[in-house]
Amino acid sequence: MTSVRTLNVDRIVSWAADLAESYEGWDGLRAWESLEHDLRIDATHDRRGHVNLRFVIRGPRGYDPSAWEASVMVTLDAGEDMRRLVAELGDLVS
């Protein structure tokens, strides 16, 4: 298990809340990244009711250009699933 450092841990919650409020969709990519670049979340909207979240981890030092990288894509419904994610993130960081 490892930790992800941030300057203001609740920014990930507000970032996700902004995504949830934009359930009708947006253009392009919206991203959140941790302080040391070891975790990034890229979000896109397909304009058909789904949000695609790509979780990217980098190590052992994410800020190092030669760090390894692994990612997984998760697709959520733009409405209730995103609101549930915001609530669970809030619980996780509190």
N, C-alpha and C. Protein backbone atom coordinates (compact mmCIF):
# COMPACT_ATOMS: atom_id res chain seq x y z
N MET A 1 0.84 -1.17 0.00
CA MET A 1 0.00 0.00 0.00
C MET A 1 0.89 1.23 0.00
N THR A 2 0.44 2.26 -0.70
CA THR A 2 1.18 3.51 -0.75
C THR A 2 0.22 4.67 -0.56
N SER A 3 0.76 5.81 -0.28
CA SER A 3 -0.05 7.02 -0.08
C SER A 3 0.17 7.97 -1.24
N VAL A 4 -0.80 8.81 -1.48
CA VAL A 4 -0.71 9.86 -2.48
C VAL A 4 -0.77 11.18 -1.74
N ARG A 5 0.23 12.03 -1.97
CA ARG A 5 0.28 13.32 -1.26
C ARG A 5 -0.37 14.42 -2.09
N THR A 6 -1.10 15.27 -1.39
CA THR A 6 -1.71 16.43 -2.02
C THR A 6 -1.52 17.63 -1.10
N LEU A 7 -1.67 18.82 -1.66
CA LEU A 7 -1.61 20.02 -0.83
C LEU A 7 -2.94 20.27 -0.15
N ASN A 8 -4.00 19.95 -0.83
CA ASN A 8 -5.34 20.19 -0.31
C ASN A 8 -6.20 19.00 -0.70
N VAL A 9 -6.25 18.00 0.16
CA VAL A 9 -6.85 16.70 -0.17
C VAL A 9 -8.29 16.82 -0.65
N ASP A 10 -9.01 17.85 -0.23
CA ASP A 10 -10.41 17.91 -0.65
C ASP A 10 -10.56 18.38 -2.09
N ARG A 11 -9.50 18.79 -2.75
CA ARG A 11 -9.63 19.21 -4.15
C ARG A 11 -10.05 18.05 -5.06
N ILE A 12 -9.64 16.85 -4.73
CA ILE A 12 -10.10 15.73 -5.56
C ILE A 12 -11.60 15.56 -5.43
N VAL A 13 -12.14 15.82 -4.26
CA VAL A 13 -13.58 15.70 -4.06
C VAL A 13 -14.30 16.80 -4.83
N SER A 14 -13.82 18.03 -4.76
CA SER A 14 -14.47 19.11 -5.49
C SER A 14 -14.33 18.92 -7.00
N TRP A 15 -13.17 18.39 -7.44
CA TRP A 15 -12.98 18.11 -8.85
C TRP A 15 -14.01 17.08 -9.33
N ALA A 16 -14.17 16.00 -8.56
CA ALA A 16 -15.14 14.96 -8.92
C ALA A 16 -16.57 15.50 -8.84
N ALA A 17 -16.84 16.37 -7.88
CA ALA A 17 -18.17 16.98 -7.76
C ALA A 17 -18.48 17.84 -8.98
N ASP A 18 -17.48 18.56 -9.48
CA ASP A 18 -17.68 19.34 -10.71
C ASP A 18 -18.03 18.42 -11.88
N LEU A 19 -17.38 17.27 -11.96
CA LEU A 19 -17.70 16.31 -13.01
C LEU A 19 -19.15 15.82 -12.87
N ALA A 20 -19.53 15.51 -11.65
CA ALA A 20 -20.88 15.00 -11.40
C ALA A 20 -21.94 16.04 -11.75
N GLU A 21 -21.64 17.31 -11.48
CA GLU A 21 -22.59 18.38 -11.80
C GLU A 21 -22.67 18.63 -13.31
N SER A 22 -21.67 18.20 -14.04
CA SER A 22 -21.63 18.39 -15.49
C SER A 22 -22.15 17.14 -16.20
N TYR A 23 -23.21 16.55 -15.67
CA TYR A 23 -23.69 15.27 -16.17
C TYR A 23 -24.14 15.33 -17.64
N GLU A 24 -24.46 16.52 -18.15
CA GLU A 24 -24.86 16.64 -19.56
C GLU A 24 -23.67 16.54 -20.49
N GLY A 25 -22.47 16.68 -19.94
CA GLY A 25 -21.28 16.48 -20.75
C GLY A 25 -20.40 17.70 -20.87
N TRP A 26 -19.20 17.47 -21.39
CA TRP A 26 -18.23 18.53 -21.64
C TRP A 26 -17.34 18.08 -22.79
N ASP A 27 -16.62 19.04 -23.31
CA ASP A 27 -15.69 18.74 -24.39
C ASP A 27 -14.29 18.54 -23.82
N GLY A 28 -13.55 17.66 -24.43
CA GLY A 28 -12.15 17.47 -24.06
C GLY A 28 -11.94 16.66 -22.80
N LEU A 29 -10.76 16.86 -22.25
CA LEU A 29 -10.29 16.09 -21.09
C LEU A 29 -10.27 16.98 -19.85
N ARG A 30 -10.72 16.45 -18.74
CA ARG A 30 -10.58 17.10 -17.43
C ARG A 30 -9.72 16.18 -16.58
N ALA A 31 -8.70 16.75 -15.96
CA ALA A 31 -7.74 15.91 -15.23
C ALA A 31 -7.50 16.44 -13.82
N TRP A 32 -7.22 15.50 -12.93
CA TRP A 32 -6.76 15.80 -11.57
C TRP A 32 -5.46 15.05 -11.39
N GLU A 33 -4.49 15.69 -10.71
CA GLU A 33 -3.20 15.03 -10.49
C GLU A 33 -2.70 15.32 -9.09
N SER A 34 -2.08 14.32 -8.50
CA SER A 34 -1.52 14.47 -7.16
C SER A 34 -0.25 15.34 -7.20
N LEU A 35 0.14 15.79 -6.04
CA LEU A 35 1.28 16.70 -5.89
C LEU A 35 2.55 16.17 -6.56
N GLU A 36 2.86 14.90 -6.35
CA GLU A 36 4.11 14.33 -6.87
C GLU A 36 3.90 13.54 -8.16
N HIS A 37 2.76 13.73 -8.81
CA HIS A 37 2.45 13.13 -10.11
C HIS A 37 2.40 11.60 -10.08
N ASP A 38 2.16 11.01 -8.91
CA ASP A 38 2.09 9.56 -8.83
C ASP A 38 0.68 9.02 -9.07
N LEU A 39 -0.31 9.91 -9.09
CA LEU A 39 -1.68 9.53 -9.42
C LEU A 39 -2.29 10.64 -10.25
N ARG A 40 -2.91 10.23 -11.36
CA ARG A 40 -3.65 11.17 -12.20
C ARG A 40 -4.95 10.51 -12.59
N ILE A 41 -6.00 11.30 -12.66
CA ILE A 41 -7.29 10.81 -13.14
C ILE A 41 -7.69 11.69 -14.30
N ASP A 42 -7.88 11.08 -15.47
CA ASP A 42 -8.34 11.78 -16.66
C ASP A 42 -9.81 11.45 -16.86
N ALA A 43 -10.62 12.46 -17.11
CA ALA A 43 -12.06 12.25 -17.29
C ALA A 43 -12.51 12.79 -18.63
N THR A 44 -13.26 11.98 -19.35
CA THR A 44 -13.91 12.41 -20.58
C THR A 44 -15.38 12.03 -20.51
N HIS A 45 -16.20 12.71 -21.27
CA HIS A 45 -17.64 12.45 -21.31
C HIS A 45 -17.99 12.07 -22.74
N ASP A 46 -18.78 11.01 -22.92
CA ASP A 46 -19.11 10.56 -24.27
C ASP A 46 -20.36 11.22 -24.84
N ARG A 47 -20.98 12.13 -24.08
CA ARG A 47 -22.21 12.82 -24.50
C ARG A 47 -23.39 11.87 -24.71
N ARG A 48 -23.24 10.65 -24.18
CA ARG A 48 -24.34 9.68 -24.24
C ARG A 48 -24.67 9.18 -22.83
N GLY A 49 -24.25 9.96 -21.83
CA GLY A 49 -24.60 9.62 -20.45
C GLY A 49 -23.53 8.86 -19.69
N HIS A 50 -22.29 8.83 -20.21
CA HIS A 50 -21.23 8.09 -19.54
C HIS A 50 -19.99 8.93 -19.36
N VAL A 51 -19.34 8.74 -18.22
CA VAL A 51 -18.06 9.38 -17.92
C VAL A 51 -17.00 8.28 -17.92
N ASN A 52 -15.94 8.50 -18.66
CA ASN A 52 -14.81 7.57 -18.70
C ASN A 52 -13.71 8.14 -17.81
N LEU A 53 -13.32 7.38 -16.80
CA LEU A 53 -12.25 7.79 -15.89
C LEU A 53 -11.06 6.89 -16.12
N ARG A 54 -9.94 7.49 -16.44
CA ARG A 54 -8.69 6.74 -16.60
C ARG A 54 -7.81 7.05 -15.40
N PHE A 55 -7.58 6.04 -14.56
CA PHE A 55 -6.74 6.17 -13.37
C PHE A 55 -5.32 5.76 -13.76
N VAL A 56 -4.37 6.66 -13.57
CA VAL A 56 -2.98 6.43 -13.97
C VAL A 56 -2.11 6.51 -12.73
N ILE A 57 -1.34 5.45 -12.46
CA ILE A 57 -0.36 5.49 -11.38
C ILE A 57 1.03 5.45 -11.99
N ARG A 58 1.95 6.15 -11.34
CA ARG A 58 3.34 6.22 -11.81
C ARG A 58 4.26 5.94 -10.63
N GLY A 59 5.37 5.30 -10.89
CA GLY A 59 6.27 5.00 -9.78
C GLY A 59 7.68 4.73 -10.26
N PRO A 60 8.60 4.58 -9.38
CA PRO A 60 8.46 4.80 -7.94
C PRO A 60 8.41 6.28 -7.58
N ARG A 61 8.88 7.15 -8.43
CA ARG A 61 8.77 8.59 -8.22
C ARG A 61 8.02 9.13 -9.44
N GLY A 62 6.74 9.44 -9.26
CA GLY A 62 5.90 9.84 -10.38
C GLY A 62 6.38 11.06 -11.13
N TYR A 63 7.09 11.91 -10.47
CA TYR A 63 7.59 13.14 -11.11
C TYR A 63 8.77 12.86 -12.04
N ASP A 64 9.39 11.68 -11.93
CA ASP A 64 10.54 11.32 -12.74
C ASP A 64 10.07 10.91 -14.14
N PRO A 65 10.59 11.55 -15.20
CA PRO A 65 10.15 11.20 -16.56
C PRO A 65 10.33 9.72 -16.91
N SER A 66 11.24 9.03 -16.25
CA SER A 66 11.46 7.61 -16.56
C SER A 66 10.64 6.68 -15.66
N ALA A 67 9.73 7.21 -14.85
CA ALA A 67 8.91 6.37 -13.97
C ALA A 67 8.00 5.47 -14.81
N TRP A 68 7.74 4.27 -14.28
CA TRP A 68 6.81 3.37 -14.96
C TRP A 68 5.40 3.92 -14.81
N GLU A 69 4.50 3.44 -15.64
CA GLU A 69 3.12 3.93 -15.61
C GLU A 69 2.18 2.78 -15.87
N ALA A 70 1.09 2.74 -15.12
CA ALA A 70 0.03 1.76 -15.33
C ALA A 70 -1.31 2.49 -15.25
N SER A 71 -2.28 2.04 -16.03
CA SER A 71 -3.57 2.72 -16.01
C SER A 71 -4.71 1.72 -16.17
N VAL A 72 -5.87 2.17 -15.74
CA VAL A 72 -7.10 1.40 -15.92
C VAL A 72 -8.21 2.40 -16.25
N MET A 73 -9.11 1.98 -17.13
CA MET A 73 -10.23 2.83 -17.52
C MET A 73 -11.50 2.28 -16.88
N VAL A 74 -12.29 3.19 -16.31
CA VAL A 74 -13.55 2.84 -15.68
C VAL A 74 -14.63 3.72 -16.31
N THR A 75 -15.74 3.13 -16.67
CA THR A 75 -16.85 3.89 -17.24
C THR A 75 -18.00 3.90 -16.23
N LEU A 76 -18.48 5.11 -15.92
CA LEU A 76 -19.58 5.29 -14.97
C LEU A 76 -20.72 6.02 -15.65
N ASP A 77 -21.94 5.80 -15.16
CA ASP A 77 -23.07 6.61 -15.60
C ASP A 77 -22.84 8.03 -15.11
N ALA A 78 -23.18 9.00 -15.94
CA ALA A 78 -22.89 10.40 -15.62
C ALA A 78 -23.68 10.92 -14.42
N GLY A 79 -24.78 10.34 -14.11
CA GLY A 79 -25.62 10.84 -13.03
C GLY A 79 -25.30 10.23 -11.67
N GLU A 80 -26.07 9.24 -11.30
CA GLU A 80 -26.01 8.66 -9.96
C GLU A 80 -24.66 8.01 -9.65
N ASP A 81 -24.06 7.33 -10.60
CA ASP A 81 -22.75 6.71 -10.34
C ASP A 81 -21.70 7.76 -9.98
N MET A 82 -21.73 8.89 -10.67
CA MET A 82 -20.76 9.95 -10.37
C MET A 82 -21.03 10.58 -9.00
N ARG A 83 -22.28 10.77 -8.67
CA ARG A 83 -22.61 11.31 -7.33
C ARG A 83 -22.16 10.34 -6.23
N ARG A 84 -22.31 9.05 -6.47
CA ARG A 84 -21.86 8.05 -5.52
C ARG A 84 -20.34 8.06 -5.38
N LEU A 85 -19.63 8.24 -6.50
CA LEU A 85 -18.17 8.35 -6.45
C LEU A 85 -17.74 9.55 -5.61
N VAL A 86 -18.40 10.67 -5.75
CA VAL A 86 -18.08 11.87 -4.97
C VAL A 86 -18.25 11.57 -3.48
N ALA A 87 -19.36 10.92 -3.12
CA ALA A 87 -19.60 10.59 -1.72
C ALA A 87 -18.53 9.64 -1.18
N GLU A 88 -18.16 8.64 -1.97
CA GLU A 88 -17.15 7.68 -1.51
C GLU A 88 -15.78 8.32 -1.42
N LEU A 89 -15.45 9.21 -2.35
CA LEU A 89 -14.18 9.94 -2.24
C LEU A 89 -14.16 10.80 -0.99
N GLY A 90 -15.27 11.43 -0.69
CA GLY A 90 -15.37 12.23 0.53
C GLY A 90 -15.12 11.40 1.77
N ASP A 91 -15.69 10.20 1.81
CA ASP A 91 -15.46 9.29 2.94
C ASP A 91 -14.00 8.86 3.01
N LEU A 92 -13.41 8.60 1.85
CA LEU A 92 -12.04 8.11 1.80
C LEU A 92 -11.04 9.15 2.32
N VAL A 93 -11.22 10.40 1.98
CA VAL A 93 -10.25 11.42 2.36
C VAL A 93 -10.54 12.08 3.70
N SER A 94 -11.67 11.77 4.28
CA SER A 94 -11.98 12.39 5.58
C SER A 94 -11.35 11.66 6.74
